[in-house]
Amino acid sequence: MCTVLEKEDAHKLVDQLPPNATWDDLIHEIYVREAIENGVEDSKAGRTKEVSEIRKKYGLPK
């Protein structure tokens, strides 16, 4: 899923970075924000799974 980028949001994101931020820092912030927005969208749409189901799938303890 790709969300539409609002220029105002992009400006705010860049403005929040420290003065010595790198391109990698910016890319990381964009990735984290998109992952969170996608997760919230999935949650609202009911596209989630129980933690116990995921633990079982990957053989993790309860």
PDB file of N, CA and C in Angstrom:
ATOM      1  N   MET A   1       0.835  -1.184   0.000  1.00  0.00           N
ATOM      2  CA  MET A   1       0.000   0.000   0.000  1.00  0.00           C
ATOM      3  C   MET A   1       0.875   1.241   0.000  1.00  0.00           C
ATOM      4  N   CYS A   2       0.531   2.143  -0.826  1.00  0.00           N
ATOM      5  CA  CYS A   2       1.289   3.376  -0.902  1.00  0.00           C
ATOM      6  C   CYS A   2       0.343   4.524  -0.575  1.00  0.00           C
ATOM      7  N   THR A   3       0.724   5.327   0.391  1.00  0.00           N
ATOM      8  CA  THR A   3      -0.116   6.453   0.743  1.00  0.00           C
ATOM      9  C   THR A   3       0.345   7.689  -0.014  1.00  0.00           C
ATOM     10  N   VAL A   4      -0.567   8.606  -0.226  1.00  0.00           N
ATOM     11  CA  VAL A   4      -0.253   9.839  -0.932  1.00  0.00           C
ATOM     12  C   VAL A   4       0.573  10.734  -0.015  1.00  0.00           C
ATOM     13  N   LEU A   5       1.636  11.269  -0.569  1.00  0.00           N
ATOM     14  CA  LEU A   5       2.516  12.154   0.187  1.00  0.00           C
ATOM     15  C   LEU A   5       1.998  13.579   0.109  1.00  0.00           C
ATOM     16  N   GLU A   6       1.733  14.149   1.247  1.00  0.00           N
ATOM     17  CA  GLU A   6       1.351  15.552   1.310  1.00  0.00           C
ATOM     18  C   GLU A   6       2.626  16.359   1.516  1.00  0.00           C
ATOM     19  N   LYS A   7       2.844  17.378   0.708  1.00  0.00           N
ATOM     20  CA  LYS A   7       4.066  18.166   0.822  1.00  0.00           C
ATOM     21  C   LYS A   7       4.244  18.742   2.219  1.00  0.00           C
ATOM     22  N   GLU A   8       3.163  19.182   2.823  1.00  0.00           N
ATOM     23  CA  GLU A   8       3.237  19.762   4.171  1.00  0.00           C
ATOM     24  C   GLU A   8       3.780  18.736   5.164  1.00  0.00           C
ATOM     25  N   ASP A   9       3.333  17.480   5.047  1.00  0.00           N
ATOM     26  CA  ASP A   9       3.822  16.425   5.924  1.00  0.00           C
ATOM     27  C   ASP A   9       5.308  16.162   5.689  1.00  0.00           C
ATOM     28  N   ALA A  10       5.722  16.200   4.428  1.00  0.00           N
ATOM     29  CA  ALA A  10       7.130  15.989   4.104  1.00  0.00           C
ATOM     30  C   ALA A  10       7.992  17.097   4.703  1.00  0.00           C
ATOM     31  N   HIS A  11       7.524  18.316   4.608  1.00  0.00           N
ATOM     32  CA  HIS A  11       8.257  19.448   5.186  1.00  0.00           C
ATOM     33  C   HIS A  11       8.375  19.296   6.705  1.00  0.00           C
ATOM     34  N   LYS A  12       7.294  18.894   7.350  1.00  0.00           N
ATOM     35  CA  LYS A  12       7.318  18.708   8.810  1.00  0.00           C
ATOM     36  C   LYS A  12       8.305  17.617   9.200  1.00  0.00           C
ATOM     37  N   LEU A  13       8.310  16.544   8.438  1.00  0.00           N
ATOM     38  CA  LEU A  13       9.213  15.433   8.713  1.00  0.00           C
ATOM     39  C   LEU A  13      10.668  15.885   8.612  1.00  0.00           C
ATOM     40  N   VAL A  14      10.997  16.605   7.564  1.00  0.00           N
ATOM     41  CA  VAL A  14      12.360  17.100   7.379  1.00  0.00           C
ATOM     42  C   VAL A  14      12.712  18.096   8.484  1.00  0.00           C
ATOM     43  N   ASP A  15      11.781  18.960   8.837  1.00  0.00           N
ATOM     44  CA  ASP A  15      12.038  19.961   9.877  1.00  0.00           C
ATOM     45  C   ASP A  15      12.302  19.332  11.246  1.00  0.00           C
ATOM     46  N   GLN A  16      11.782  18.141  11.481  1.00  0.00           N
ATOM     47  CA  GLN A  16      11.972  17.470  12.770  1.00  0.00           C
ATOM     48  C   GLN A  16      13.327  16.772  12.882  1.00  0.00           C
ATOM     49  N   LEU A  17      14.012  16.599  11.774  1.00  0.00           N
ATOM     50  CA  LEU A  17      15.312  15.938  11.795  1.00  0.00           C
ATOM     51  C   LEU A  17      16.373  16.872  12.384  1.00  0.00           C
ATOM     52  N   PRO A  18      17.393  16.300  13.025  1.00  0.00           N
ATOM     53  CA  PRO A  18      18.472  17.140  13.547  1.00  0.00           C
ATOM     54  C   PRO A  18      19.277  17.772  12.405  1.00  0.00           C
ATOM     55  N   PRO A  19      19.992  18.842  12.686  1.00  0.00           N
ATOM     56  CA  PRO A  19      20.750  19.534  11.635  1.00  0.00           C
ATOM     57  C   PRO A  19      21.773  18.649  10.917  1.00  0.00           C
ATOM     58  N   ASN A  20      22.285  17.653  11.589  1.00  0.00           N
ATOM     59  CA  ASN A  20      23.302  16.790  10.985  1.00  0.00           C
ATOM     60  C   ASN A  20      22.719  15.490  10.423  1.00  0.00           C
ATOM     61  N   ALA A  21      21.419  15.465  10.149  1.00  0.00           N
ATOM     62  CA  ALA A  21      20.763  14.261   9.626  1.00  0.00           C
ATOM     63  C   ALA A  21      21.300  13.912   8.242  1.00  0.00           C
ATOM     64  N   THR A  22      21.291  12.619   7.965  1.00  0.00           N
ATOM     65  CA  THR A  22      21.744  12.123   6.663  1.00  0.00           C
ATOM     66  C   THR A  22      20.533  11.724   5.821  1.00  0.00           C
ATOM     67  N   TRP A  23      20.799  11.404   4.561  1.00  0.00           N
ATOM     68  CA  TRP A  23      19.736  10.893   3.702  1.00  0.00           C
ATOM     69  C   TRP A  23      19.189   9.594   4.268  1.00  0.00           C
ATOM     70  N   ASP A  24      20.085   8.772   4.829  1.00  0.00           N
ATOM     71  CA  ASP A  24      19.634   7.515   5.440  1.00  0.00           C
ATOM     72  C   ASP A  24      18.674   7.767   6.596  1.00  0.00           C
ATOM     73  N   ASP A  25      18.938   8.812   7.384  1.00  0.00           N
ATOM     74  CA  ASP A  25      18.035   9.172   8.487  1.00  0.00           C
ATOM     75  C   ASP A  25      16.654   9.534   7.944  1.00  0.00           C
ATOM     76  N   LEU A  26      16.644  10.311   6.870  1.00  0.00           N
ATOM     77  CA  LEU A  26      15.374  10.709   6.271  1.00  0.00           C
ATOM     78  C   LEU A  26      14.620   9.506   5.726  1.00  0.00           C
ATOM     79  N   ILE A  27      15.319   8.629   5.016  1.00  0.00           N
ATOM     80  CA  ILE A  27      14.684   7.433   4.457  1.00  0.00           C
ATOM     81  C   ILE A  27      14.123   6.567   5.581  1.00  0.00           C
ATOM     82  N   HIS A  28      14.862   6.442   6.680  1.00  0.00           N
ATOM     83  CA  HIS A  28      14.396   5.650   7.822  1.00  0.00           C
ATOM     84  C   HIS A  28      13.104   6.238   8.386  1.00  0.00           C
ATOM     85  N   GLU A  29      13.072   7.542   8.568  1.00  0.00           N
ATOM     86  CA  GLU A  29      11.876   8.198   9.111  1.00  0.00           C
ATOM     87  C   GLU A  29      10.677   7.999   8.183  1.00  0.00           C
ATOM     88  N   ILE A  30      10.902   8.096   6.887  1.00  0.00           N
ATOM     89  CA  ILE A  30       9.823   7.879   5.926  1.00  0.00           C
ATOM     90  C   ILE A  30       9.317   6.445   6.017  1.00  0.00           C
ATOM     91  N   TYR A  31      10.246   5.487   6.088  1.00  0.00           N
ATOM     92  CA  TYR A  31       9.878   4.074   6.185  1.00  0.00           C
ATOM     93  C   TYR A  31       9.055   3.804   7.448  1.00  0.00           C
ATOM     94  N   VAL A  32       9.517   4.327   8.582  1.00  0.00           N
ATOM     95  CA  VAL A  32       8.808   4.100   9.850  1.00  0.00           C
ATOM     96  C   VAL A  32       7.410   4.700   9.793  1.00  0.00           C
ATOM     97  N   ARG A  33       7.318   5.910   9.290  1.00  0.00           N
ATOM     98  CA  ARG A  33       6.003   6.567   9.211  1.00  0.00           C
ATOM     99  C   ARG A  33       5.045   5.784   8.320  1.00  0.00           C
ATOM    100  N   GLU A  34       5.532   5.329   7.166  1.00  0.00           N
ATOM    101  CA  GLU A  34       4.678   4.568   6.254  1.00  0.00           C
ATOM    102  C   GLU A  34       4.251   3.250   6.887  1.00  0.00           C
ATOM    103  N   ALA A  35       5.178   2.581   7.586  1.00  0.00           N
ATOM    104  CA  ALA A  35       4.842   1.317   8.241  1.00  0.00           C
ATOM    105  C   ALA A  35       3.761   1.518   9.302  1.00  0.00           C
ATOM    106  N   ILE A  36       3.870   2.578  10.061  1.00  0.00           N
ATOM    107  CA  ILE A  36       2.864   2.867  11.096  1.00  0.00           C
ATOM    108  C   ILE A  36       1.518   3.180  10.455  1.00  0.00           C
ATOM    109  N   GLU A  37       1.520   4.028   9.430  1.00  0.00           N
ATOM    110  CA  GLU A  37       0.260   4.377   8.758  1.00  0.00           C
ATOM    111  C   GLU A  37      -0.394   3.141   8.145  1.00  0.00           C
ATOM    112  N   ASN A  38       0.401   2.268   7.538  1.00  0.00           N
ATOM    113  CA  ASN A  38      -0.151   1.037   6.966  1.00  0.00           C
ATOM    114  C   ASN A  38      -0.706   0.130   8.056  1.00  0.00           C
ATOM    115  N   GLY A  39      -0.023   0.049   9.192  1.00  0.00           N
ATOM    116  CA  GLY A  39      -0.499  -0.773  10.297  1.00  0.00           C
ATOM    117  C   GLY A  39      -1.817  -0.266  10.864  1.00  0.00           C
ATOM    118  N   VAL A  40      -1.928   1.032  11.008  1.00  0.00           N
ATOM    119  CA  VAL A  40      -3.180   1.627  11.504  1.00  0.00           C
ATOM    120  C   VAL A  40      -4.311   1.357  10.513  1.00  0.00           C
ATOM    121  N   GLU A  41      -4.020   1.509   9.233  1.00  0.00           N
ATOM    122  CA  GLU A  41      -5.032   1.247   8.194  1.00  0.00           C
ATOM    123  C   GLU A  41      -5.470  -0.217   8.225  1.00  0.00           C
ATOM    124  N   ASP A  42      -4.512  -1.137   8.344  1.00  0.00           N
ATOM    125  CA  ASP A  42      -4.843  -2.562   8.433  1.00  0.00           C
ATOM    126  C   ASP A  42      -5.694  -2.851   9.660  1.00  0.00           C
ATOM    127  N   SER A  43      -5.344  -2.249  10.771  1.00  0.00           N
ATOM    128  CA  SER A  43      -6.090  -2.467  12.009  1.00  0.00           C
ATOM    129  C   SER A  43      -7.532  -1.982  11.871  1.00  0.00           C
ATOM    130  N   LYS A  44      -7.703  -0.810  11.313  1.00  0.00           N
ATOM    131  CA  LYS A  44      -9.054  -0.256  11.124  1.00  0.00           C
ATOM    132  C   LYS A  44      -9.890  -1.118  10.180  1.00  0.00           C
ATOM    133  N   ALA A  45      -9.227  -1.746   9.203  1.00  0.00           N
ATOM    134  CA  ALA A  45      -9.928  -2.569   8.214  1.00  0.00           C
ATOM    135  C   ALA A  45     -10.096  -4.016   8.683  1.00  0.00           C
ATOM    136  N   GLY A  46      -9.597  -4.312   9.882  1.00  0.00           N
ATOM    137  CA  GLY A  46      -9.746  -5.665  10.411  1.00  0.00           C
ATOM    138  C   GLY A  46      -8.770  -6.674   9.828  1.00  0.00           C
ATOM    139  N   ARG A  47      -7.704  -6.196   9.225  1.00  0.00           N
ATOM    140  CA  ARG A  47      -6.704  -7.097   8.640  1.00  0.00           C
ATOM    141  C   ARG A  47      -5.590  -7.368   9.652  1.00  0.00           C
ATOM    142  N   THR A  48      -5.966  -7.997  10.749  1.00  0.00           N
ATOM    143  CA  THR A  48      -5.004  -8.315  11.797  1.00  0.00           C
ATOM    144  C   THR A  48      -5.134  -9.777  12.187  1.00  0.00           C
ATOM    145  N   LYS A  49      -4.140 -10.260  12.914  1.00  0.00           N
ATOM    146  CA  LYS A  49      -4.160 -11.632  13.412  1.00  0.00           C
ATOM    147  C   LYS A  49      -3.848 -11.609  14.897  1.00  0.00           C
ATOM    148  N   GLU A  50      -4.299 -12.634  15.579  1.00  0.00           N
ATOM    149  CA  GLU A  50      -4.026 -12.751  16.998  1.00  0.00           C
ATOM    150  C   GLU A  50      -2.549 -13.051  17.220  1.00  0.00           C
ATOM    151  N   VAL A  51      -1.996 -12.528  18.293  1.00  0.00           N
ATOM    152  CA  VAL A  51      -0.592 -12.758  18.614  1.00  0.00           C
ATOM    153  C   VAL A  51      -0.325 -14.254  18.754  1.00  0.00           C
ATOM    154  N   SER A  52      -1.249 -14.984  19.382  1.00  0.00           N
ATOM    155  CA  SER A  52      -1.060 -16.427  19.573  1.00  0.00           C
ATOM    156  C   SER A  52      -0.943 -17.154  18.230  1.00  0.00           C
ATOM    157  N   GLU A  53      -1.686 -16.690  17.226  1.00  0.00           N
ATOM    158  CA  GLU A  53      -1.618 -17.297  15.892  1.00  0.00           C
ATOM    159  C   GLU A  53      -0.238 -17.097  15.268  1.00  0.00           C
ATOM    160  N   ILE A  54       0.310 -15.914  15.403  1.00  0.00           N
ATOM    161  CA  ILE A  54       1.634 -15.609  14.853  1.00  0.00           C
ATOM    162  C   ILE A  54       2.714 -16.393  15.604  1.00  0.00           C
ATOM    163  N   ARG A  55       2.590 -16.458  16.936  1.00  0.00           N
ATOM    164  CA  ARG A  55       3.563 -17.213  17.730  1.00  0.00           C
ATOM    165  C   ARG A  55       3.572 -18.683  17.317  1.00  0.00           C
ATOM    166  N   LYS A  56       2.397 -19.236  17.108  1.00  0.00           N
ATOM    167  CA  LYS A  56       2.293 -20.638  16.704  1.00  0.00           C
ATOM    168  C   LYS A  56       2.923 -20.836  15.323  1.00  0.00           C
ATOM    169  N   LYS A  57       2.642 -19.934  14.409  1.00  0.00           N
ATOM    170  CA  LYS A  57       3.154 -20.037  13.045  1.00  0.00           C
ATOM    171  C   LYS A  57       4.681 -20.088  13.016  1.00  0.00           C
ATOM    172  N   TYR A  58       5.319 -19.294  13.887  1.00  0.00           N
ATOM    173  CA  TYR A  58       6.783 -19.212  13.890  1.00  0.00           C
ATOM    174  C   TYR A  58       7.428 -20.012  15.015  1.00  0.00           C
ATOM    175  N   GLY A  59       6.634 -20.835  15.704  1.00  0.00           N
ATOM    176  CA  GLY A  59       7.169 -21.693  16.750  1.00  0.00           C
ATOM    177  C   GLY A  59       7.713 -20.937  17.955  1.00  0.00           C
ATOM    178  N   LEU A  60       7.095 -19.811  18.272  1.00  0.00           N
ATOM    179  CA  LEU A  60       7.531 -19.018  19.411  1.00  0.00           C
ATOM    180  C   LEU A  60       6.762 -19.412  20.663  1.00  0.00           C
ATOM    181  N   PRO A  61       7.388 -19.280  21.826  1.00  0.00           N
ATOM    182  CA  PRO A  61       6.684 -19.625  23.070  1.00  0.00           C
ATOM    183  C   PRO A  61       5.544 -18.656  23.346  1.00  0.00           C
ATOM    184  N   LYS A  62       4.598 -19.118  24.151  1.00  0.00           N
ATOM    185  CA  LYS A  62       3.425 -18.282  24.491  1.00  0.00           C
ATOM    186  C   LYS A  62       3.749 -17.188  25.437  1.00  0.00           C
TER     187      LYS A  62
END
